[in-house]
């Protein structure tokens, strides 16, 4: 036997099992698909998926698995996240990129982080036409740096991720790339990241 309860604030009705005290929403009140508090954590899973593009202003070459981002040479850090388990057009409430800065100079550079505006990001490869300055960038962006102190640094990339998963061709499990375009190089400035 069940009994019916109507919430005063919302007006919603549900059935309560008097023995187990388990509540069931009436089927007419549910909207499918239902996803509640979904959290997806993505990490770099391969050495070639993080690194830096060297000399963004000239012929750019990709150095995988590097944590030394040399702003003197206009190096630009970038990352690729594989099999991102987010459905197409899902609402992204919060997305962050977290890095550990293990060493930073007194002078620091400022850049802008973009996503790659493609359905499924390819792996980074050693090529002159590669790196953040060469990828098709999202309209959305976020400030990156300056990081003149060590410790965990978090960049909010919600709008970038939202733009990518809103693409008509995005499918859950696709790959996603983020990269930094350097805008204000620091003379003699180095920053060491740990991310892989």
N, C-alpha and C. Protein backbone atom coordinates (compact mmCIF):
# COMPACT_ATOMS: atom_id res chain seq x y z
N UNK A 1 0.84 -1.17 0.00
CA UNK A 1 0.00 0.00 0.00
C UNK A 1 0.89 1.23 0.00
N UNK A 2 0.49 2.27 -0.78
CA UNK A 2 1.24 3.52 -0.83
C UNK A 2 0.32 4.67 -0.44
N UNK A 3 0.90 5.78 -0.03
CA UNK A 3 0.07 6.95 0.20
C UNK A 3 0.64 8.12 -0.58
N UNK A 4 -0.20 9.07 -0.87
CA UNK A 4 0.12 10.16 -1.76
C UNK A 4 0.45 11.42 -0.96
N UNK A 5 1.52 12.12 -1.41
CA UNK A 5 1.93 13.36 -0.76
C UNK A 5 2.03 14.44 -1.81
N UNK A 6 1.47 15.59 -1.54
CA UNK A 6 1.59 16.74 -2.43
C UNK A 6 2.41 17.82 -1.73
N UNK A 7 3.52 18.25 -2.37
CA UNK A 7 4.37 19.27 -1.77
C UNK A 7 3.67 20.62 -1.82
N UNK A 8 3.72 21.33 -0.71
CA UNK A 8 3.04 22.61 -0.62
C UNK A 8 3.71 23.67 -1.50
N UNK A 9 5.05 23.69 -1.54
CA UNK A 9 5.77 24.74 -2.26
C UNK A 9 5.71 24.53 -3.77
N UNK A 10 5.92 23.30 -4.21
CA UNK A 10 6.01 23.05 -5.65
C UNK A 10 4.72 22.53 -6.26
N UNK A 11 3.86 22.00 -5.43
CA UNK A 11 2.62 21.43 -5.95
C UNK A 11 2.81 20.07 -6.59
N UNK A 12 4.02 19.51 -6.51
CA UNK A 12 4.27 18.21 -7.12
C UNK A 12 3.71 17.10 -6.22
N UNK A 13 3.27 16.05 -6.85
CA UNK A 13 2.69 14.91 -6.13
C UNK A 13 3.60 13.70 -6.28
N UNK A 14 3.79 12.97 -5.22
CA UNK A 14 4.57 11.74 -5.28
C UNK A 14 3.94 10.71 -4.37
N UNK A 15 4.30 9.47 -4.65
CA UNK A 15 3.81 8.35 -3.84
C UNK A 15 4.91 7.94 -2.86
N UNK A 16 4.53 7.64 -1.64
CA UNK A 16 5.47 7.21 -0.61
C UNK A 16 5.12 5.79 -0.21
N UNK A 17 6.13 4.92 -0.19
CA UNK A 17 5.95 3.57 0.33
C UNK A 17 6.03 3.66 1.85
N UNK A 18 5.00 3.28 2.58
CA UNK A 18 5.01 3.46 4.04
C UNK A 18 6.01 2.58 4.77
N UNK A 19 6.46 1.49 4.14
CA UNK A 19 7.42 0.59 4.79
C UNK A 19 8.84 1.07 4.55
N UNK A 20 9.19 1.29 3.28
CA UNK A 20 10.56 1.66 2.95
C UNK A 20 10.80 3.17 3.00
N UNK A 21 9.71 3.95 3.00
CA UNK A 21 9.77 5.41 2.97
C UNK A 21 10.39 5.94 1.67
N UNK A 22 10.42 5.11 0.62
CA UNK A 22 10.96 5.52 -0.68
C UNK A 22 9.90 6.29 -1.44
N UNK A 23 10.31 7.44 -1.98
CA UNK A 23 9.38 8.28 -2.73
C UNK A 23 9.51 8.01 -4.22
N UNK A 24 8.39 7.99 -4.90
CA UNK A 24 8.38 7.84 -6.36
C UNK A 24 7.69 9.04 -6.97
N UNK A 25 8.35 9.70 -7.91
CA UNK A 25 7.67 10.76 -8.65
C UNK A 25 6.73 10.13 -9.65
N UNK A 26 5.62 10.76 -9.87
CA UNK A 26 4.69 10.27 -10.88
C UNK A 26 5.32 10.42 -12.25
N UNK A 27 5.10 9.46 -13.13
CA UNK A 27 5.76 9.44 -14.42
C UNK A 27 5.50 10.70 -15.23
N UNK A 28 4.34 11.29 -15.08
CA UNK A 28 4.01 12.48 -15.85
C UNK A 28 4.84 13.69 -15.48
N UNK A 29 5.54 13.63 -14.34
CA UNK A 29 6.31 14.78 -13.88
C UNK A 29 7.77 14.71 -14.33
N UNK A 30 8.20 13.58 -14.85
CA UNK A 30 9.60 13.43 -15.22
C UNK A 30 9.83 13.83 -16.67
N UNK A 31 10.95 14.46 -16.92
CA UNK A 31 11.37 14.81 -18.27
C UNK A 31 12.65 14.04 -18.56
N UNK A 32 12.67 13.28 -19.63
CA UNK A 32 13.83 12.45 -19.96
C UNK A 32 14.64 13.10 -21.07
N UNK A 33 15.96 12.91 -21.16
CA UNK A 33 16.74 12.15 -20.18
C UNK A 33 16.98 12.95 -18.91
N UNK A 34 17.08 12.25 -17.80
CA UNK A 34 17.30 12.89 -16.51
C UNK A 34 18.77 12.74 -16.15
N UNK A 35 19.43 13.85 -15.84
CA UNK A 35 20.83 13.82 -15.39
C UNK A 35 20.94 14.79 -14.22
N UNK A 36 21.34 14.29 -13.07
CA UNK A 36 21.40 15.11 -11.87
C UNK A 36 22.82 15.10 -11.32
N UNK A 37 23.38 16.29 -11.13
CA UNK A 37 24.71 16.42 -10.53
C UNK A 37 25.75 15.55 -11.21
N UNK A 38 25.80 15.61 -12.52
CA UNK A 38 26.78 14.82 -13.25
C UNK A 38 28.13 15.53 -13.19
N UNK A 39 29.15 14.83 -12.78
CA UNK A 39 30.50 15.39 -12.70
C UNK A 39 31.42 14.56 -13.58
N UNK A 40 32.14 15.21 -14.47
CA UNK A 40 33.09 14.54 -15.34
C UNK A 40 34.46 15.12 -15.05
N UNK A 41 35.42 14.27 -14.75
CA UNK A 41 36.79 14.70 -14.52
C UNK A 41 37.66 14.09 -15.61
N UNK A 42 38.36 14.94 -16.35
CA UNK A 42 39.22 14.49 -17.43
C UNK A 42 40.66 14.84 -17.09
N UNK A 43 41.55 13.91 -17.33
CA UNK A 43 42.97 14.14 -17.10
C UNK A 43 43.74 13.86 -18.39
N UNK A 44 44.94 14.40 -18.45
CA UNK A 44 45.83 14.08 -19.57
C UNK A 44 46.22 12.61 -19.42
N UNK A 45 46.03 11.82 -20.48
CA UNK A 45 46.27 10.38 -20.37
C UNK A 45 47.46 9.91 -21.19
N UNK A 46 48.03 10.78 -22.02
CA UNK A 46 49.17 10.38 -22.84
C UNK A 46 50.16 11.53 -22.91
N UNK A 47 51.45 11.18 -22.96
CA UNK A 47 52.48 12.21 -22.99
C UNK A 47 52.37 13.16 -24.17
N UNK A 48 51.86 12.66 -25.29
CA UNK A 48 51.76 13.51 -26.48
C UNK A 48 50.58 14.47 -26.38
N UNK A 49 49.74 14.32 -25.35
CA UNK A 49 48.56 15.15 -25.23
C UNK A 49 48.78 16.44 -24.46
N UNK A 50 49.95 16.63 -23.92
CA UNK A 50 50.27 17.92 -23.34
C UNK A 50 51.66 18.33 -23.82
N UNK A 51 51.87 19.61 -23.91
CA UNK A 51 53.16 20.08 -24.37
C UNK A 51 53.13 21.55 -24.70
N UNK A 52 54.02 21.92 -25.62
CA UNK A 52 54.12 23.33 -25.98
C UNK A 52 54.46 23.44 -27.46
N UNK A 53 53.92 24.48 -28.04
CA UNK A 53 54.29 24.83 -29.41
C UNK A 53 55.39 25.87 -29.32
N UNK A 54 56.48 25.61 -29.98
CA UNK A 54 57.66 26.47 -29.88
C UNK A 54 57.64 27.54 -30.97
N UNK A 55 57.88 28.76 -30.54
CA UNK A 55 57.99 29.90 -31.45
C UNK A 55 56.73 30.06 -32.29
N UNK A 56 55.67 30.51 -31.62
CA UNK A 56 54.37 30.65 -32.28
C UNK A 56 54.40 31.67 -33.41
N UNK A 57 55.36 32.60 -33.38
CA UNK A 57 55.37 33.65 -34.38
C UNK A 57 55.99 33.20 -35.70
N UNK A 58 56.68 32.08 -35.70
CA UNK A 58 57.36 31.62 -36.92
C UNK A 58 56.92 30.20 -37.24
N UNK A 59 57.85 29.34 -37.60
CA UNK A 59 57.50 27.94 -37.88
C UNK A 59 57.32 27.23 -36.55
N UNK A 60 56.12 26.77 -36.32
CA UNK A 60 55.76 26.25 -35.01
C UNK A 60 55.99 24.74 -34.95
N UNK A 61 56.62 24.27 -33.90
CA UNK A 61 56.85 22.85 -33.71
C UNK A 61 56.35 22.43 -32.35
N UNK A 62 55.82 21.23 -32.31
CA UNK A 62 55.20 20.71 -31.09
C UNK A 62 56.20 19.87 -30.30
N UNK A 63 56.34 20.19 -29.01
CA UNK A 63 57.19 19.41 -28.11
C UNK A 63 56.29 18.75 -27.08
N UNK A 64 56.05 17.43 -27.20
CA UNK A 64 55.13 16.77 -26.28
C UNK A 64 55.73 16.56 -24.90
N UNK A 65 54.83 16.43 -23.91
CA UNK A 65 55.20 16.07 -22.55
C UNK A 65 56.21 17.03 -21.95
N UNK A 66 56.08 18.31 -22.29
CA UNK A 66 56.96 19.33 -21.74
C UNK A 66 56.22 20.13 -20.69
N UNK A 67 56.86 20.37 -19.57
CA UNK A 67 56.23 21.23 -18.57
C UNK A 67 56.93 22.58 -18.47
N UNK A 68 57.99 22.79 -19.25
CA UNK A 68 58.71 24.05 -19.22
C UNK A 68 58.17 24.95 -20.33
N UNK A 69 57.38 25.93 -19.98
CA UNK A 69 56.82 26.83 -20.97
C UNK A 69 57.70 28.07 -21.01
N UNK A 70 58.48 28.19 -22.05
CA UNK A 70 59.49 29.23 -22.18
C UNK A 70 58.88 30.43 -22.90
N UNK A 71 58.49 31.44 -22.13
CA UNK A 71 57.81 32.58 -22.72
C UNK A 71 58.77 33.48 -23.51
N UNK A 72 60.06 33.31 -23.33
CA UNK A 72 61.02 34.10 -24.10
C UNK A 72 60.89 33.78 -25.58
N UNK A 73 60.70 32.52 -25.91
CA UNK A 73 60.58 32.08 -27.30
C UNK A 73 59.14 32.03 -27.79
N UNK A 74 58.25 32.67 -27.06
CA UNK A 74 56.82 32.66 -27.42
C UNK A 74 56.22 31.26 -27.44
N UNK A 75 56.71 30.40 -26.56
CA UNK A 75 56.14 29.06 -26.48
C UNK A 75 54.70 29.14 -25.96
N UNK A 76 53.87 28.24 -26.46
CA UNK A 76 52.47 28.26 -26.05
C UNK A 76 52.04 26.88 -25.58
N UNK A 77 51.54 26.76 -24.33
CA UNK A 77 51.11 25.46 -23.81
C UNK A 77 49.76 25.05 -24.38
N UNK A 78 49.54 23.74 -24.45
CA UNK A 78 48.27 23.23 -24.96
C UNK A 78 48.05 21.82 -24.43
N UNK A 79 46.77 21.40 -24.44
CA UNK A 79 46.39 20.13 -23.87
C UNK A 79 45.30 19.49 -24.72
N UNK A 80 45.29 18.15 -24.74
CA UNK A 80 44.23 17.40 -25.40
C UNK A 80 43.64 16.42 -24.39
N UNK A 81 42.32 16.45 -24.26
CA UNK A 81 41.62 15.56 -23.34
C UNK A 81 40.84 14.54 -24.18
N UNK A 82 41.13 13.26 -23.92
CA UNK A 82 40.53 12.20 -24.72
C UNK A 82 39.25 11.68 -24.08
N UNK A 83 38.34 11.22 -24.95
CA UNK A 83 37.07 10.60 -24.56
C UNK A 83 36.34 11.39 -23.48
N UNK A 84 36.00 12.63 -23.82
CA UNK A 84 35.27 13.50 -22.89
C UNK A 84 33.82 13.04 -22.85
N UNK A 85 33.40 12.54 -21.70
CA UNK A 85 32.10 11.90 -21.56
C UNK A 85 31.01 12.92 -21.24
N UNK A 86 30.72 13.78 -22.21
CA UNK A 86 29.69 14.81 -22.06
C UNK A 86 28.80 14.75 -23.29
N UNK A 87 27.49 14.62 -23.11
CA UNK A 87 26.58 14.54 -24.26
C UNK A 87 26.54 15.84 -25.07
N UNK A 88 26.17 15.72 -26.32
CA UNK A 88 26.02 16.88 -27.18
C UNK A 88 24.96 17.81 -26.60
N UNK A 89 25.26 19.11 -26.59
CA UNK A 89 24.36 20.18 -26.12
C UNK A 89 24.05 20.11 -24.63
N UNK A 90 24.83 19.35 -23.86
CA UNK A 90 24.62 19.34 -22.41
C UNK A 90 24.90 20.73 -21.85
N UNK A 91 24.20 21.10 -20.79
CA UNK A 91 24.45 22.38 -20.14
C UNK A 91 25.66 22.24 -19.23
N UNK A 92 26.67 23.06 -19.48
CA UNK A 92 27.89 23.02 -18.67
C UNK A 92 27.79 24.10 -17.60
N UNK A 93 27.63 23.68 -16.35
CA UNK A 93 27.52 24.64 -15.25
C UNK A 93 28.88 25.17 -14.83
N UNK A 94 29.89 24.31 -14.92
CA UNK A 94 31.22 24.73 -14.50
C UNK A 94 32.26 23.82 -15.15
N UNK A 95 33.30 24.43 -15.70
CA UNK A 95 34.42 23.68 -16.25
C UNK A 95 35.69 24.44 -15.91
N UNK A 96 36.67 23.74 -15.37
CA UNK A 96 37.92 24.38 -14.99
C UNK A 96 39.12 23.57 -15.47
N UNK A 97 40.18 24.27 -15.78
CA UNK A 97 41.47 23.66 -16.10
C UNK A 97 42.38 23.95 -14.92
N UNK A 98 42.93 22.90 -14.31
CA UNK A 98 43.78 23.07 -13.14
C UNK A 98 45.19 22.63 -13.47
N UNK A 99 46.15 23.51 -13.18
CA UNK A 99 47.57 23.24 -13.41
C UNK A 99 48.33 23.46 -12.11
N UNK A 100 49.43 22.77 -11.99
CA UNK A 100 50.32 23.00 -10.86
C UNK A 100 51.55 23.74 -11.36
N UNK A 101 51.72 24.97 -10.91
CA UNK A 101 52.91 25.75 -11.26
C UNK A 101 53.98 25.44 -10.22
N UNK A 102 55.05 24.81 -10.66
CA UNK A 102 56.11 24.40 -9.73
C UNK A 102 57.24 25.41 -9.63
N UNK A 103 57.33 26.29 -10.62
CA UNK A 103 58.35 27.34 -10.57
C UNK A 103 57.90 28.46 -11.48
N UNK A 104 58.10 29.70 -11.04
CA UNK A 104 57.74 30.84 -11.86
C UNK A 104 58.71 31.98 -11.60
N UNK A 105 59.00 32.71 -12.66
CA UNK A 105 59.90 33.85 -12.54
C UNK A 105 59.13 35.06 -12.02
N UNK A 106 59.86 36.06 -11.61
CA UNK A 106 59.23 37.28 -11.13
C UNK A 106 58.44 37.96 -12.24
N UNK A 107 58.95 37.84 -13.47
CA UNK A 107 58.21 38.36 -14.62
C UNK A 107 57.37 37.24 -15.19
N UNK A 108 56.16 37.53 -15.55
CA UNK A 108 55.25 36.49 -16.03
C UNK A 108 54.52 36.98 -17.26
N UNK A 109 54.09 36.04 -18.07
CA UNK A 109 53.42 36.36 -19.32
C UNK A 109 51.91 36.27 -19.15
N UNK A 110 51.22 36.91 -20.06
CA UNK A 110 49.77 36.87 -20.08
C UNK A 110 49.32 36.32 -21.42
N UNK A 111 48.35 35.45 -21.39
CA UNK A 111 47.85 34.87 -22.63
C UNK A 111 46.35 34.70 -22.57
N UNK A 112 45.81 34.13 -23.63
CA UNK A 112 44.39 33.84 -23.71
C UNK A 112 44.22 32.38 -24.08
N UNK A 113 43.38 31.68 -23.34
CA UNK A 113 43.15 30.27 -23.62
C UNK A 113 41.87 30.13 -24.45
N UNK A 114 41.97 29.30 -25.49
CA UNK A 114 40.85 29.01 -26.38
C UNK A 114 40.64 27.51 -26.43
N UNK A 115 39.47 27.10 -26.86
CA UNK A 115 39.23 25.71 -27.22
C UNK A 115 39.40 25.58 -28.72
N UNK A 116 39.56 24.35 -29.19
CA UNK A 116 39.58 24.14 -30.63
C UNK A 116 38.16 23.89 -31.09
N UNK A 117 37.70 24.68 -32.05
CA UNK A 117 36.32 24.64 -32.51
C UNK A 117 36.14 23.55 -33.56
N UNK A 118 36.25 22.30 -33.11
CA UNK A 118 36.04 21.14 -33.98
C UNK A 118 35.23 20.11 -33.20
N UNK A 119 34.65 19.15 -33.94
CA UNK A 119 33.83 18.12 -33.30
C UNK A 119 34.66 17.13 -32.49
N UNK A 120 35.81 16.74 -33.04
CA UNK A 120 36.65 15.72 -32.41
C UNK A 120 38.11 16.08 -32.66
N UNK A 121 38.80 16.50 -31.63
CA UNK A 121 40.16 17.04 -31.79
C UNK A 121 41.16 15.94 -32.09
N UNK A 122 42.00 16.20 -33.07
CA UNK A 122 43.07 15.26 -33.42
C UNK A 122 44.20 15.37 -32.40
N UNK A 123 45.08 14.39 -32.40
CA UNK A 123 46.23 14.45 -31.50
C UNK A 123 47.22 15.50 -31.99
N UNK A 124 47.96 16.06 -31.06
CA UNK A 124 49.01 17.00 -31.44
C UNK A 124 50.10 16.22 -32.18
N UNK A 125 50.68 16.84 -33.16
CA UNK A 125 51.74 16.17 -33.92
C UNK A 125 52.85 17.16 -34.20
N UNK A 126 54.06 16.65 -34.34
CA UNK A 126 55.19 17.51 -34.66
C UNK A 126 55.05 18.00 -36.09
N UNK A 127 54.66 19.24 -36.25
CA UNK A 127 54.47 19.80 -37.59
C UNK A 127 54.52 21.31 -37.50
N UNK A 128 54.92 21.95 -38.57
CA UNK A 128 55.03 23.40 -38.55
C UNK A 128 53.66 24.07 -38.49
N UNK A 129 52.60 23.35 -38.93
CA UNK A 129 51.26 23.92 -38.91
C UNK A 129 50.48 23.37 -37.72
N UNK A 130 51.06 23.44 -36.56
CA UNK A 130 50.44 22.86 -35.39
C UNK A 130 50.58 23.80 -34.21
N UNK A 131 49.81 23.55 -33.18
CA UNK A 131 49.88 24.36 -31.98
C UNK A 131 48.70 25.30 -31.85
N UNK A 132 48.56 25.95 -30.69
CA UNK A 132 47.40 26.79 -30.41
C UNK A 132 47.17 27.91 -31.41
N UNK A 133 48.24 28.50 -31.92
CA UNK A 133 48.06 29.60 -32.87
C UNK A 133 47.53 29.13 -34.21
N UNK A 134 47.62 27.83 -34.49
CA UNK A 134 47.21 27.30 -35.78
C UNK A 134 45.83 26.64 -35.75
N UNK A 135 45.29 26.38 -34.55
CA UNK A 135 44.02 25.68 -34.49
C UNK A 135 42.84 26.63 -34.73
N UNK A 136 41.72 26.07 -35.17
CA UNK A 136 40.48 26.84 -35.32
C UNK A 136 39.94 27.11 -33.93
N UNK A 137 39.94 28.37 -33.54
CA UNK A 137 39.65 28.70 -32.16
C UNK A 137 38.16 28.93 -31.91
N UNK A 138 37.75 28.64 -30.68
CA UNK A 138 36.40 28.97 -30.26
C UNK A 138 36.26 30.48 -30.16
N UNK A 139 35.04 30.97 -30.28
CA UNK A 139 34.79 32.39 -30.05
C UNK A 139 34.99 32.72 -28.58
N UNK A 140 34.65 31.78 -27.72
CA UNK A 140 34.82 31.96 -26.28
C UNK A 140 36.29 31.82 -25.92
N UNK A 141 36.71 32.55 -24.90
CA UNK A 141 38.09 32.49 -24.44
C UNK A 141 38.14 32.82 -22.96
N UNK A 142 39.31 32.67 -22.37
CA UNK A 142 39.50 33.00 -20.96
C UNK A 142 40.91 33.52 -20.77
N UNK A 143 41.08 34.39 -19.81
CA UNK A 143 42.41 34.92 -19.49
C UNK A 143 43.27 33.82 -18.90
N UNK A 144 44.54 33.83 -19.28
CA UNK A 144 45.49 32.82 -18.81
C UNK A 144 46.71 33.55 -18.25
N UNK A 145 46.93 33.43 -16.96
CA UNK A 145 48.06 34.09 -16.32
C UNK A 145 47.74 35.53 -15.96
N UNK A 146 48.73 36.28 -15.49
CA UNK A 146 50.11 35.84 -15.27
C UNK A 146 50.26 34.97 -14.03
N UNK A 147 51.20 34.03 -14.08
CA UNK A 147 51.48 33.15 -12.96
C UNK A 147 52.90 33.40 -12.48
N UNK A 148 53.03 34.28 -11.53
CA UNK A 148 54.35 34.62 -11.00
C UNK A 148 54.61 33.92 -9.67
N UNK A 149 53.66 33.09 -9.23
CA UNK A 149 53.83 32.34 -7.99
C UNK A 149 53.54 30.87 -8.26
N UNK A 150 54.02 30.01 -7.39
CA UNK A 150 53.80 28.58 -7.55
C UNK A 150 52.49 28.15 -6.90
N UNK A 151 52.11 26.91 -7.16
CA UNK A 151 50.89 26.35 -6.58
C UNK A 151 49.88 26.00 -7.64
N UNK A 152 48.73 25.50 -7.20
CA UNK A 152 47.67 25.13 -8.13
C UNK A 152 47.02 26.39 -8.69
N UNK A 153 46.85 26.40 -9.99
CA UNK A 153 46.20 27.52 -10.68
C UNK A 153 44.99 26.96 -11.43
N UNK A 154 43.86 27.61 -11.29
CA UNK A 154 42.63 27.16 -11.91
C UNK A 154 42.13 28.21 -12.87
N UNK A 155 41.84 27.78 -14.09
CA UNK A 155 41.30 28.66 -15.12
C UNK A 155 39.88 28.22 -15.42
N UNK A 156 38.93 29.13 -15.37
CA UNK A 156 37.55 28.80 -15.70
C UNK A 156 37.39 28.76 -17.21
N UNK A 157 37.02 27.60 -17.72
CA UNK A 157 36.89 27.40 -19.17
C UNK A 157 35.47 26.95 -19.54
N UNK A 158 34.50 27.32 -18.72
CA UNK A 158 33.12 26.88 -18.92
C UNK A 158 32.60 27.25 -20.30
N UNK A 159 32.78 28.50 -20.71
CA UNK A 159 32.22 28.94 -21.99
C UNK A 159 32.90 28.25 -23.17
N UNK A 160 34.18 27.92 -23.05
CA UNK A 160 34.89 27.22 -24.12
C UNK A 160 34.32 25.81 -24.30
N UNK A 161 34.19 25.11 -23.19
CA UNK A 161 33.69 23.74 -23.24
C UNK A 161 32.24 23.74 -23.74
N UNK A 162 31.45 24.70 -23.27
CA UNK A 162 30.06 24.77 -23.72
C UNK A 162 29.97 24.96 -25.23
N UNK A 163 30.82 25.82 -25.77
CA UNK A 163 30.80 26.07 -27.21
C UNK A 163 31.14 24.81 -28.00
N UNK A 164 32.08 24.04 -27.49
CA UNK A 164 32.49 22.81 -28.20
C UNK A 164 31.40 21.76 -28.14
N UNK A 165 30.82 21.52 -26.95
CA UNK A 165 29.80 20.46 -26.85
C UNK A 165 28.49 20.88 -27.50
N UNK A 166 28.31 22.17 -27.77
CA UNK A 166 27.11 22.64 -28.48
C UNK A 166 27.20 22.42 -29.99
N UNK A 167 28.38 22.07 -30.49
CA UNK A 167 28.52 21.81 -31.91
C UNK A 167 27.60 20.65 -32.32
N UNK A 168 26.99 20.76 -33.49
CA UNK A 168 26.06 19.73 -33.95
C UNK A 168 26.74 18.37 -34.10
N UNK A 169 28.04 18.37 -34.40
CA UNK A 169 28.75 17.12 -34.61
C UNK A 169 29.44 16.57 -33.38
N UNK A 170 29.30 17.26 -32.25
CA UNK A 170 29.93 16.76 -31.02
C UNK A 170 29.19 15.50 -30.56
N UNK A 171 29.96 14.48 -30.14
CA UNK A 171 29.40 13.24 -29.61
C UNK A 171 30.13 12.93 -28.31
N UNK A 172 29.40 12.46 -27.31
CA UNK A 172 30.02 12.07 -26.06
C UNK A 172 31.13 11.05 -26.33
N UNK A 173 32.29 11.29 -25.77
CA UNK A 173 33.44 10.43 -26.02
C UNK A 173 34.43 11.01 -27.00
N UNK A 174 34.07 12.15 -27.60
CA UNK A 174 35.02 12.82 -28.50
C UNK A 174 36.16 13.43 -27.71
N UNK A 175 37.19 13.88 -28.43
CA UNK A 175 38.36 14.49 -27.82
C UNK A 175 38.28 16.01 -27.93
N UNK A 176 38.93 16.68 -26.99
CA UNK A 176 38.86 18.14 -26.91
C UNK A 176 40.26 18.71 -26.66
N UNK A 177 40.57 19.80 -27.37
CA UNK A 177 41.87 20.45 -27.18
C UNK A 177 41.67 21.88 -26.68
N UNK A 178 42.56 22.29 -25.78
CA UNK A 178 42.64 23.66 -25.29
C UNK A 178 44.06 24.14 -25.49
N UNK A 179 44.21 25.40 -25.84
CA UNK A 179 45.56 25.94 -26.05
C UNK A 179 45.61 27.41 -25.72
N UNK A 180 46.81 27.88 -25.43
CA UNK A 180 47.03 29.28 -25.03
C UNK A 180 47.73 30.04 -26.13
N UNK A 181 47.17 31.17 -26.50
CA UNK A 181 47.85 32.11 -27.39
C UNK A 181 48.51 33.16 -26.53
N UNK A 182 49.81 33.26 -26.64
CA UNK A 182 50.56 34.21 -25.82
C UNK A 182 50.39 35.61 -26.38
N UNK A 183 50.12 36.56 -25.50
CA UNK A 183 49.89 37.92 -25.93
C UNK A 183 50.90 38.91 -25.39
N UNK A 184 51.39 38.65 -24.19
CA UNK A 184 52.36 39.56 -23.59
C UNK A 184 53.54 38.75 -23.08
N UNK A 185 54.52 38.45 -23.93
CA UNK A 185 55.68 37.68 -23.46
C UNK A 185 56.45 38.44 -22.39
N UNK A 186 56.99 37.72 -21.47
CA UNK A 186 57.80 38.33 -20.42
C UNK A 186 59.26 38.11 -20.74
N UNK A 187 60.03 39.16 -20.71
CA UNK A 187 61.47 39.05 -20.99
C UNK A 187 62.13 38.31 -19.84
N UNK A 188 62.73 37.17 -20.15
CA UNK A 188 63.39 36.38 -19.12
C UNK A 188 62.42 35.61 -18.25
N UNK A 189 61.16 35.52 -18.65
CA UNK A 189 60.16 34.86 -17.82
C UNK A 189 59.96 33.41 -18.18
N UNK A 190 60.00 32.55 -17.18
CA UNK A 190 59.76 31.12 -17.37
C UNK A 190 58.68 30.69 -16.38
N UNK A 191 57.86 29.75 -16.80
CA UNK A 191 56.90 29.13 -15.88
C UNK A 191 56.93 27.64 -16.12
N UNK A 192 57.00 26.87 -15.03
CA UNK A 192 57.00 25.42 -15.12
C UNK A 192 55.64 24.89 -14.69
N UNK A 193 54.97 24.15 -15.58
CA UNK A 193 53.69 23.56 -15.27
C UNK A 193 53.85 22.07 -15.07
N UNK A 194 53.06 21.49 -14.20
CA UNK A 194 52.92 20.04 -14.11
C UNK A 194 51.47 19.73 -14.41
N UNK A 195 51.24 18.97 -15.47
CA UNK A 195 49.86 18.66 -15.83
C UNK A 195 49.68 17.22 -16.29
N UNK A 196 50.73 16.58 -16.81
CA UNK A 196 50.60 15.21 -17.29
C UNK A 196 50.83 14.25 -16.12
